[in-house]
Protein backbone atom coordinates (compact mmCIF):
# COMPACT_ATOMS: atom_id res chain seq x y z
CA MET A 1 16.33 0.24 -4.96
CA ALA A 2 12.53 0.34 -5.71
CA ALA A 3 12.71 4.45 -3.66
CA ARG A 4 15.28 5.51 -5.75
CA PRO A 5 11.76 4.98 -8.93
CA TYR A 6 9.10 6.28 -6.37
CA THR A 7 11.72 9.15 -5.63
CA ALA A 8 12.26 9.79 -9.88
CA ALA A 9 8.80 9.35 -10.32
CA ILE A 10 7.22 11.73 -7.70
CA PHE A 11 9.76 14.88 -9.64
CA ALA A 12 8.41 14.32 -12.31
CA LEU A 13 4.83 14.36 -11.96
CA TYR A 14 6.16 17.43 -9.67
CA GLN A 15 7.90 18.69 -12.78
CA PHE A 16 4.43 17.84 -15.51
CA THR A 17 2.01 19.23 -12.46
CA LEU A 18 4.10 22.79 -12.42
CA LEU A 19 4.48 22.71 -16.28
CA ALA A 20 0.62 21.88 -16.41
CA GLY A 21 -0.29 24.33 -14.02
CA ILE A 22 1.97 27.19 -15.82
CA VAL A 23 0.03 26.21 -19.43
CA LEU A 24 -3.25 26.40 -17.79
CA LEU A 25 -2.28 29.32 -16.07
CA PRO A 26 -4.86 32.05 -18.90
CA VAL A 27 -7.34 29.10 -17.93
CA ALA A 28 -7.79 29.19 -14.12
CA MET A 29 -7.52 33.49 -15.15
CA VAL A 30 -10.16 33.69 -17.44
CA THR A 31 -12.41 31.06 -15.28
CA GLU A 32 -11.78 32.44 -12.31
CA ARG A 33 -14.03 35.06 -13.31
CA PHE A 34 -15.96 33.38 -13.78
CA GLY A 35 -16.16 31.95 -9.65
CA VAL A 36 -14.78 28.55 -11.22
CA ARG A 37 -11.24 27.20 -9.22
CA LEU A 38 -8.90 24.84 -10.63
CA PRO A 39 -6.67 23.22 -8.11
CA VAL A 40 -3.54 23.72 -9.54
CA ASP A 41 -2.65 24.60 -6.40
CA ARG A 42 -2.93 22.19 -4.32
CA ALA A 43 -1.58 19.90 -7.11
CA VAL A 44 1.60 21.70 -6.69
CA GLU A 45 1.83 21.14 -3.51
CA GLY A 46 1.01 17.88 -2.39
CA LEU A 47 2.84 16.73 -4.52
CA ASN A 48 6.24 19.03 -3.20
CA GLN A 49 5.10 17.71 0.23
CA ALA A 50 5.01 13.25 -1.78
CA TYR A 51 8.39 14.40 -2.68
CA THR A 52 9.72 16.28 0.32
CA GLY A 53 9.05 13.39 2.60
CA ARG A 54 10.71 10.81 0.07
CA GLN A 55 13.74 12.78 0.71
CA ASN A 56 14.30 13.32 3.51
CA ASP A 57 13.41 9.27 4.32
């Protein structure tokens, strides 16, 4: 029973991270010019793996 709320929470975090990545895209493009990279892609990939791993259980 606890699996369903956990899966829903992971999915919500994944969707929020995608939204944050889209919103922060202009900031990321500017900071990359100065040599600073925002790790949004690692956060999205980590949550994607957690969500798909939970779906396979």
